[in-house]
Amino acid sequence: MLADILSVLSGGLVGFVLGLIGGGGSILAVPLLVYVVGVREPHVAIGTGAVAVAASAALSLISHARAGTVKWRCALVFAAAGAAGALIGAELGKRTDGQVLLALFGVLMIAVGASMLRPRKAGENAEVQLTLQAAPRLLPPLVASGLLVGGLSGFFGIGGGFLIVPGLIAATAMPLLNAVGSSLVSVTSFGAATAGSYAAAGLVDWKIAALFIAGGAAGGVIGTLVSKKLAAKKRALAIVFAAIVITVGLFVAGQGGWTLLTR
């Protein structure tokens, strides 16, 4: 019973952060499943987290699509390339020792948290569109960035929101708001690809995933509402969240590293 409650609350936290600052909640899913919910096998935590992340991102995508912030053509190309990368990454992740995976995951969290502390420059081309004329310029960076980010997403079982957003901005110069909305297409796609790979290998706890998703749906609604009221303070919120990600990353990397050293 306690594990069920913790699953819902953990999912709520992930959904809340996704709704609040447009990403980042997914990177907390695996640590929450392992250290709060109590999923003992890291690979099961990654598979279960991927299912929950994909579902939570899909719900958030609906809200952004209604608001018209999604650059669909750019988002779909990036997502397609990323999904292929995620499948490759997931296969490599399943073949990697669970404790090594956790240690590397912690290192990635620290790196992502540090990158979030850097101020993001607004995109310079709000009208960017993937057309036949723009394809020679936009397709190569979109595909390359998608493959790289998707591979990392699949390997670690994360949605990759904070990797996708700067990837989209770098490839297309779209504004941050459009990158956040468009990134959810990839988060959903990457999460689904990773989840499918892990589910096929029997590495998903479906009960926990369902509870996590239920909590994430509620948390996402609350996070979106709070985000609208605190729009002017998103930079401050991003800094606070970066500190949390780095702290959790240090803990996860330390735990994984200590386990490897004391085997």
Protein backbone atom coordinates (compact mmCIF):
# COMPACT_ATOMS: atom_id res chain seq x y z
CA MET A 1 0.00 0.00 0.00
CA LEU A 2 2.80 2.41 0.91
CA ALA A 3 4.56 1.64 -2.38
CA ASP A 4 1.34 2.46 -4.26
CA ILE A 5 1.03 5.84 -2.53
CA LEU A 6 4.70 6.61 -3.18
CA SER A 7 4.23 5.67 -6.85
CA VAL A 8 1.35 8.13 -7.24
CA LEU A 9 3.19 10.90 -5.37
CA SER A 10 6.38 10.33 -7.37
CA GLY A 11 4.43 10.42 -10.63
CA GLY A 12 2.74 13.60 -9.44
CA LEU A 13 6.12 15.24 -8.88
CA VAL A 14 7.32 14.27 -12.36
CA GLY A 15 4.10 15.53 -13.97
CA PHE A 16 4.21 18.74 -11.94
CA VAL A 17 7.75 19.59 -13.05
CA LEU A 18 6.95 18.76 -16.69
CA GLY A 19 3.95 21.08 -16.57
CA LEU A 20 5.81 23.79 -14.65
CA ILE A 21 8.94 24.28 -16.75
CA GLY A 22 8.26 22.21 -19.86
CA GLY A 23 10.65 19.36 -19.17
CA GLY A 24 13.07 17.91 -16.68
CA GLY A 25 10.58 15.93 -14.64
CA SER A 26 11.37 12.81 -16.60
CA ILE A 27 14.98 12.77 -15.51
CA LEU A 28 13.73 12.30 -11.94
CA ALA A 29 11.59 9.26 -12.80
CA VAL A 30 14.30 6.59 -12.51
CA PRO A 31 15.80 7.87 -9.23
CA LEU A 32 12.30 8.19 -7.74
CA LEU A 33 11.37 4.66 -8.80
CA VAL A 34 14.60 3.21 -7.42
CA TYR A 35 15.08 5.18 -4.20
CA VAL A 36 11.53 6.23 -3.25
CA VAL A 37 9.15 3.62 -4.67
CA GLY A 38 11.66 0.82 -4.07
CA VAL A 39 12.04 -0.80 -7.49
CA ARG A 40 15.13 -2.93 -6.91
CA GLU A 41 16.13 -3.76 -10.48
CA PRO A 42 17.49 -0.68 -12.31
CA HIS A 43 16.42 -2.01 -15.72
CA VAL A 44 12.81 -2.42 -14.52
CA ALA A 45 12.92 1.12 -13.14
CA ILE A 46 14.11 2.41 -16.52
CA GLY A 47 11.44 0.49 -18.45
CA THR A 48 8.66 1.50 -16.06
CA GLY A 49 9.83 5.11 -16.03
CA ALA A 50 9.85 5.20 -19.83
CA VAL A 51 6.20 4.11 -19.95
CA ALA A 52 5.21 6.77 -17.44
CA VAL A 53 7.27 9.49 -19.13
CA ALA A 54 5.76 8.77 -22.56
CA ALA A 55 2.22 8.96 -21.19
CA SER A 56 2.84 12.13 -19.16
CA ALA A 57 4.51 13.84 -22.12
CA ALA A 58 1.60 12.92 -24.42
CA LEU A 59 -0.84 14.57 -22.02
CA SER A 60 1.29 17.73 -21.86
CA LEU A 61 1.65 17.73 -25.66
CA ILE A 62 -2.13 17.98 -26.04
CA SER A 63 -2.12 21.22 -24.02
CA HIS A 64 0.73 22.73 -26.05
CA ALA A 65 -0.86 21.68 -29.35
CA ARG A 66 -4.06 23.48 -28.38
CA ALA A 67 -1.99 26.58 -27.59
CA GLY A 68 -0.34 26.41 -31.05
CA THR A 69 3.24 26.27 -29.75
CA VAL A 70 4.27 23.10 -31.64
CA LYS A 71 6.33 23.38 -34.86
CA TRP A 72 5.01 20.08 -36.17
CA ARG A 73 7.25 19.40 -39.18
CA CYS A 74 10.47 20.15 -37.35
CA ALA A 75 9.21 18.25 -34.31
CA LEU A 76 8.23 15.16 -36.30
CA VAL A 77 11.55 14.92 -38.16
CA PHE A 78 13.49 15.32 -34.91
CA ALA A 79 11.24 12.75 -33.22
CA ALA A 80 11.56 10.20 -36.05
CA ALA A 81 15.36 10.39 -35.98
CA GLY A 82 15.29 10.31 -32.20
CA ALA A 83 13.03 7.27 -32.04
CA ALA A 84 15.55 5.32 -34.12
CA GLY A 85 18.31 6.50 -31.81
CA ALA A 86 16.23 5.59 -28.74
CA LEU A 87 15.79 2.01 -29.95
CA ILE A 88 19.54 1.65 -30.40
CA GLY A 89 20.20 3.30 -27.05
CA ALA A 90 17.69 1.07 -25.27
CA GLU A 91 19.36 -2.07 -26.62
CA LEU A 92 22.74 -0.85 -25.38
CA GLY A 93 21.22 0.11 -22.04
CA LYS A 94 19.73 -3.36 -21.49
CA ARG A 95 23.15 -4.90 -22.08
CA THR A 96 24.88 -2.59 -19.61
CA ASP A 97 25.31 -3.55 -15.95
CA GLY A 98 22.50 -2.01 -13.89
CA GLN A 99 24.78 -0.32 -11.35
CA VAL A 100 27.02 1.05 -14.11
CA LEU A 101 23.89 2.40 -15.77
CA LEU A 102 22.82 4.14 -12.55
CA ALA A 103 26.27 5.65 -12.04
CA LEU A 104 26.34 6.96 -15.63
CA PHE A 105 22.77 8.20 -15.21
CA GLY A 106 23.88 10.23 -12.18
CA VAL A 107 26.72 11.76 -14.20
CA LEU A 108 24.27 12.70 -16.96
CA MET A 109 21.97 14.34 -14.40
CA ILE A 110 24.84 16.46 -13.11
CA ALA A 111 25.75 17.51 -16.65
CA VAL A 112 22.15 18.35 -17.54
CA GLY A 113 21.66 20.27 -14.30
CA ALA A 114 24.82 22.28 -14.95
CA SER A 115 23.67 23.08 -18.49
CA MET A 116 20.36 24.36 -17.10
CA LEU A 117 22.25 26.98 -15.09
CA ARG A 118 23.43 28.58 -18.30
CA PRO A 119 21.01 31.30 -19.51
CA ARG A 120 19.29 30.28 -22.73
CA LYS A 121 19.20 32.73 -25.56
CA ALA A 122 15.85 33.24 -27.20
CA GLY A 123 15.48 31.87 -30.70
CA GLU A 124 15.84 34.39 -33.51
CA ASN A 125 13.43 32.93 -36.05
CA ALA A 126 9.88 32.64 -34.76
CA GLU A 127 8.64 31.92 -38.30
CA VAL A 128 10.93 28.96 -38.99
CA GLN A 129 9.19 26.19 -40.94
CA LEU A 130 10.48 22.98 -42.51
CA THR A 131 9.66 23.54 -46.19
CA LEU A 132 11.16 22.17 -49.41
CA GLN A 133 13.25 25.33 -49.69
CA ALA A 134 14.50 25.13 -46.09
CA ALA A 135 15.02 21.35 -46.05
CA PRO A 136 18.69 21.35 -47.20
CA ARG A 137 19.53 23.70 -44.31
CA LEU A 138 17.31 22.27 -41.57
CA LEU A 139 17.20 18.51 -42.18
CA PRO A 140 20.88 17.62 -41.47
CA PRO A 141 21.05 19.28 -38.02
CA LEU A 142 17.56 18.06 -37.10
CA VAL A 143 18.38 14.43 -37.97
CA ALA A 144 21.84 14.49 -36.36
CA SER A 145 20.58 16.10 -33.15
CA GLY A 146 17.60 13.75 -33.03
CA LEU A 147 19.76 10.63 -33.34
CA LEU A 148 22.16 11.76 -30.61
CA VAL A 149 19.51 12.89 -28.12
CA GLY A 150 17.34 9.85 -28.88
CA GLY A 151 20.27 7.52 -28.26
CA LEU A 152 20.92 9.06 -24.84
CA SER A 153 17.20 8.97 -24.07
CA GLY A 154 16.92 5.27 -24.88
CA PHE A 155 20.13 4.34 -23.08
CA PHE A 156 19.07 5.98 -19.82
CA GLY A 157 15.30 5.56 -20.20
CA ILE A 158 14.51 9.26 -19.96
CA GLY A 159 12.28 11.54 -21.99
CA GLY A 160 15.22 13.84 -22.67
CA GLY A 161 13.28 17.11 -22.55
CA PHE A 162 16.20 19.26 -21.46
CA LEU A 163 18.39 17.69 -24.13
CA ILE A 164 15.74 18.05 -26.86
CA VAL A 165 14.94 21.74 -26.23
CA PRO A 166 18.50 23.03 -26.81
CA GLY A 167 18.86 20.54 -29.68
CA LEU A 168 15.82 21.99 -31.45
CA ILE A 169 16.94 25.57 -30.81
CA ALA A 170 20.45 24.84 -32.12
CA ALA A 171 19.09 23.10 -35.23
CA THR A 172 16.36 25.59 -36.15
CA ALA A 173 16.75 28.82 -34.10
CA MET A 174 13.10 28.51 -33.05
CA PRO A 175 12.00 30.44 -29.91
CA LEU A 176 12.19 28.69 -26.54
CA LEU A 177 8.41 28.46 -26.17
CA ASN A 178 8.12 26.64 -29.51
CA ALA A 179 11.06 24.39 -28.62
CA VAL A 180 9.38 23.42 -25.35
CA GLY A 181 6.09 22.57 -27.09
CA SER A 182 7.82 20.81 -29.99
CA SER A 183 10.08 18.84 -27.63
CA LEU A 184 7.09 17.00 -26.20
CA VAL A 185 6.59 15.25 -29.55
CA SER A 186 10.06 13.77 -29.13
CA VAL A 187 9.68 13.07 -25.42
CA THR A 188 6.55 11.07 -26.20
CA SER A 189 8.21 9.32 -29.15
CA PHE A 190 11.48 8.54 -27.33
CA GLY A 191 9.64 7.33 -24.25
CA ALA A 192 7.37 5.10 -26.31
CA ALA A 193 10.29 3.60 -28.26
CA THR A 194 12.25 2.92 -25.07
CA ALA A 195 9.16 1.61 -23.26
CA GLY A 196 8.35 -0.76 -26.13
CA SER A 197 11.87 -2.16 -26.12
CA TYR A 198 11.89 -2.74 -22.36
CA ALA A 199 8.31 -4.06 -22.32
CA ALA A 200 9.21 -6.64 -24.96
CA ALA A 201 11.97 -7.83 -22.63
CA GLY A 202 9.55 -8.03 -19.66
CA LEU A 203 11.23 -5.13 -17.87
CA VAL A 204 8.14 -3.03 -17.02
CA ASP A 205 6.14 -3.10 -13.78
CA TRP A 206 2.74 -2.21 -15.20
CA LYS A 207 1.00 -1.61 -11.88
CA ILE A 208 3.58 0.93 -10.79
CA ALA A 209 3.55 2.48 -14.27
CA ALA A 210 -0.24 2.96 -14.09
CA LEU A 211 -0.04 4.57 -10.64
CA PHE A 212 2.86 6.77 -11.77
CA ILE A 213 0.88 7.92 -14.81
CA ALA A 214 -2.20 8.68 -12.69
CA GLY A 215 -0.11 10.85 -10.40
CA GLY A 216 1.62 12.44 -13.38
CA ALA A 217 -1.68 13.44 -14.98
CA ALA A 218 -2.78 15.29 -11.84
CA GLY A 219 0.65 16.81 -11.28
CA GLY A 220 0.84 17.97 -14.89
CA VAL A 221 -2.44 19.88 -14.62
CA ILE A 222 -1.30 21.59 -11.42
CA GLY A 223 2.13 22.35 -12.84
CA THR A 224 0.67 23.92 -15.98
CA LEU A 225 -1.63 26.14 -13.93
CA VAL A 226 1.19 27.27 -11.64
CA SER A 227 3.44 27.85 -14.64
CA LYS A 228 0.97 30.30 -16.16
CA LYS A 229 0.85 32.26 -12.90
CA LEU A 230 4.60 32.27 -12.40
CA ALA A 231 5.66 32.76 -16.02
CA ALA A 232 7.91 35.70 -15.13
CA LYS A 233 9.82 33.56 -12.63
CA LYS A 234 10.57 30.58 -14.87
CA ARG A 235 14.30 31.37 -14.89
CA ALA A 236 14.38 31.26 -11.09
CA LEU A 237 12.40 28.03 -11.12
CA ALA A 238 14.80 26.53 -13.65
CA ILE A 239 17.76 27.42 -11.40
CA VAL A 240 16.09 25.81 -8.38
CA PHE A 241 15.28 22.70 -10.38
CA ALA A 242 18.83 22.56 -11.75
CA ALA A 243 20.11 22.49 -8.19
CA ILE A 244 17.74 19.61 -7.40
CA VAL A 245 18.82 17.67 -10.50
CA ILE A 246 22.51 18.13 -9.66
CA THR A 247 21.95 17.08 -6.04
CA VAL A 248 20.03 13.97 -7.05
CA GLY A 249 22.62 13.24 -9.73
CA LEU A 250 25.44 13.36 -7.17
CA PHE A 251 23.48 10.97 -4.94
CA VAL A 252 22.69 8.52 -7.76
CA ALA A 253 26.24 8.58 -9.15
CA GLY A 254 27.65 8.14 -5.66
CA GLN A 255 25.35 5.23 -4.86
CA GLY A 256 26.05 3.48 -8.14
CA GLY A 257 29.78 4.09 -7.88
CA TRP A 258 29.94 2.90 -4.27
CA THR A 259 28.04 -0.29 -5.13
CA LEU A 260 30.47 -1.01 -7.96
CA LEU A 261 33.49 -0.43 -5.73
CA THR A 262 32.20 -2.60 -2.88
CA ARG A 263 31.06 -5.62 -4.91
